[in-house]
């Protein structure tokens, strides 16, 4: 059974997962590349962070992992990142793809990062990106994914 929590583990809702063969995604449906991102830029917007990942193969400097945030006093339950680390956003932790909704290979590792944050509060909006250049967006707590970059020209 798979459960979803949208309120930081106060309540849970059972999720029905339907497995289906992935359908090919036409390249004309992929996210348009936004204006150029700067390597020293600080971004939290979905499209800008995705473009940054695509261009520089890493997150902007304003991202810290959950462990780095914990060392600063962050608690997911308190959702206090904006207080303990103003200007920073959670990202860079491994995403386990337990439900198997994303394509896997023996050498692929998935990571996640929060997007569209400005106050340090977390929501269900994330980018999930792979070690080989795939970048997906989810806005519903990892129930569905939208392909933004297919990694083909990386």
Protein backbone atom coordinates (compact mmCIF):
# COMPACT_ATOMS: atom_id res chain seq x y z
CA UNK A 1 0.00 0.00 0.00
CA UNK A 2 1.15 3.51 -0.74
CA UNK A 3 0.08 6.52 1.30
CA UNK A 4 0.31 10.25 0.63
CA UNK A 5 0.55 13.06 3.17
CA UNK A 6 0.05 16.67 2.16
CA UNK A 7 0.18 18.10 5.67
CA UNK A 8 3.59 17.09 6.98
CA UNK A 9 2.60 13.69 8.34
CA UNK A 10 -0.48 14.71 10.35
CA UNK A 11 -2.79 12.63 8.19
CA UNK A 12 -2.43 10.07 5.41
CA UNK A 13 -4.46 9.15 2.35
CA UNK A 14 -4.14 5.84 0.53
CA UNK A 15 -3.02 6.26 -3.07
CA UNK A 16 -4.04 3.93 -5.87
CA UNK A 17 -1.13 3.42 -8.24
CA UNK A 18 -1.81 2.32 -11.78
CA UNK A 19 1.15 0.99 -13.73
CA UNK A 20 1.19 1.51 -17.45
CA UNK A 21 3.84 1.43 -20.11
CA UNK A 22 5.25 4.92 -20.62
CA UNK A 23 4.18 6.54 -23.83
CA UNK A 24 6.73 8.36 -25.95
CA UNK A 25 6.76 12.10 -25.35
CA UNK A 26 6.98 14.22 -28.48
CA UNK A 27 9.81 16.72 -28.14
CA UNK A 28 7.49 19.60 -29.06
CA UNK A 29 5.63 19.06 -25.76
CA UNK A 30 8.72 19.55 -23.61
CA UNK A 31 9.04 22.73 -21.57
CA UNK A 32 10.38 25.69 -23.50
CA UNK A 33 13.82 26.82 -22.45
CA UNK A 34 13.40 30.03 -20.45
CA UNK A 35 15.76 32.98 -20.66
CA UNK A 36 19.36 32.04 -20.01
CA UNK A 37 20.21 31.20 -16.43
CA UNK A 38 23.44 32.40 -14.87
CA UNK A 39 25.72 29.94 -13.09
CA UNK A 40 25.89 32.19 -10.03
CA UNK A 41 22.14 32.91 -10.12
CA UNK A 42 19.76 31.98 -7.32
CA UNK A 43 16.51 30.43 -8.51
CA UNK A 44 13.42 28.72 -7.08
CA UNK A 45 11.05 29.05 -10.07
CA UNK A 46 10.25 25.68 -11.65
CA UNK A 47 11.34 26.53 -15.18
CA UNK A 48 14.46 28.42 -14.13
CA UNK A 49 15.65 25.66 -11.78
CA UNK A 50 14.97 23.06 -14.48
CA UNK A 51 16.95 25.13 -17.00
CA UNK A 52 19.76 25.52 -14.45
CA UNK A 53 19.89 21.75 -13.85
CA UNK A 54 19.89 21.15 -17.60
CA UNK A 55 22.65 23.68 -18.23
CA UNK A 56 24.96 23.17 -15.23
CA UNK A 57 24.18 19.61 -14.03
CA UNK A 58 23.59 20.77 -10.46
CA UNK A 59 21.39 22.98 -8.32
CA UNK A 60 21.81 26.72 -7.78
CA UNK A 61 23.77 27.78 -4.68
CA UNK A 62 20.58 28.62 -2.75
CA UNK A 63 19.73 24.90 -2.38
CA UNK A 64 20.72 22.81 0.63
CA UNK A 65 20.04 19.16 1.40
CA UNK A 66 17.73 18.06 4.18
CA UNK A 67 20.75 17.07 6.28
CA UNK A 68 22.39 20.48 5.81
CA UNK A 69 19.08 22.11 6.77
CA UNK A 70 18.76 19.90 9.87
CA UNK A 71 22.22 21.01 10.98
CA UNK A 72 20.91 24.58 10.88
CA UNK A 73 17.87 23.69 13.00
CA UNK A 74 15.31 22.86 10.31
CA UNK A 75 12.53 20.40 11.05
CA UNK A 76 10.18 19.12 8.35
CA UNK A 77 7.45 18.89 10.97
CA UNK A 78 7.91 22.56 11.96
CA UNK A 79 8.45 23.60 8.31
CA UNK A 80 10.79 26.33 9.55
CA UNK A 81 13.43 26.60 6.80
CA UNK A 82 12.60 30.27 6.21
CA UNK A 83 13.46 30.97 9.85
CA UNK A 84 16.64 28.89 10.25
CA UNK A 85 18.04 29.37 6.73
CA UNK A 86 16.47 32.43 5.07
CA UNK A 87 16.83 32.43 1.30
CA UNK A 88 17.56 28.70 1.06
CA UNK A 89 15.46 25.92 -0.43
CA UNK A 90 15.54 22.15 0.12
CA UNK A 91 17.06 20.12 -2.69
CA UNK A 92 19.67 17.62 -3.76
CA UNK A 93 18.50 14.61 -1.76
CA UNK A 94 18.13 11.24 -3.42
CA UNK A 95 14.62 10.32 -4.58
CA UNK A 96 14.00 6.60 -4.30
CA UNK A 97 11.26 6.20 -6.96
CA UNK A 98 9.67 3.52 -4.75
CA UNK A 99 6.46 3.51 -6.76
CA UNK A 100 8.40 2.98 -9.99
CA UNK A 101 6.55 5.76 -11.81
CA UNK A 102 9.76 7.14 -13.34
CA UNK A 103 11.90 5.23 -15.84
CA UNK A 104 14.78 3.37 -14.27
CA UNK A 105 18.07 1.91 -15.41
CA UNK A 106 20.74 0.13 -13.36
CA UNK A 107 22.96 3.22 -13.36
CA UNK A 108 20.33 5.97 -12.97
CA UNK A 109 19.98 7.84 -9.67
CA UNK A 110 17.05 10.18 -9.01
CA UNK A 111 17.18 13.39 -6.94
CA UNK A 112 14.54 15.88 -5.87
CA UNK A 113 14.29 19.59 -5.12
CA UNK A 114 11.55 21.95 -4.01
CA UNK A 115 10.47 24.61 -6.49
CA UNK A 116 8.33 27.75 -6.45
CA UNK A 117 9.35 28.54 -2.87
CA UNK A 118 9.88 32.02 -1.54
CA UNK A 119 9.18 31.80 2.19
CA UNK A 120 10.96 28.56 3.07
CA UNK A 121 7.68 26.64 3.38
CA UNK A 122 7.50 23.32 1.57
CA UNK A 123 4.64 22.12 -0.60
CA UNK A 124 4.15 19.25 -3.02
CA UNK A 125 5.84 21.04 -5.95
CA UNK A 126 9.13 19.36 -6.83
CA UNK A 127 11.54 18.74 -9.64
CA UNK A 128 12.77 15.17 -9.79
CA UNK A 129 15.92 14.86 -11.86
CA UNK A 130 18.22 12.02 -12.81
CA UNK A 131 21.95 11.48 -12.96
CA UNK A 132 21.65 11.19 -16.75
CA UNK A 133 19.73 14.39 -17.50
CA UNK A 134 16.01 13.59 -17.21
CA UNK A 135 14.06 16.33 -15.42
CA UNK A 136 10.44 15.90 -14.33
CA UNK A 137 8.02 18.18 -12.47
CA UNK A 138 5.42 17.02 -9.97
CA UNK A 139 2.88 19.21 -8.23
CA UNK A 140 0.86 16.49 -6.54
CA UNK A 141 3.22 14.81 -4.10
CA UNK A 142 4.87 12.42 -6.59
CA UNK A 143 1.57 11.00 -7.89
CA UNK A 144 2.20 12.15 -11.46
CA UNK A 145 5.10 13.62 -13.38
CA UNK A 146 5.53 16.00 -16.31
CA UNK A 147 8.70 15.56 -18.39
CA UNK A 148 10.53 18.88 -18.81
CA UNK A 149 13.88 17.73 -20.24
CA UNK A 150 14.54 14.36 -21.79
CA UNK A 151 18.32 14.48 -21.38
CA UNK A 152 18.78 13.73 -25.07
CA UNK A 153 21.19 16.54 -25.84
CA UNK A 154 23.17 16.48 -22.61
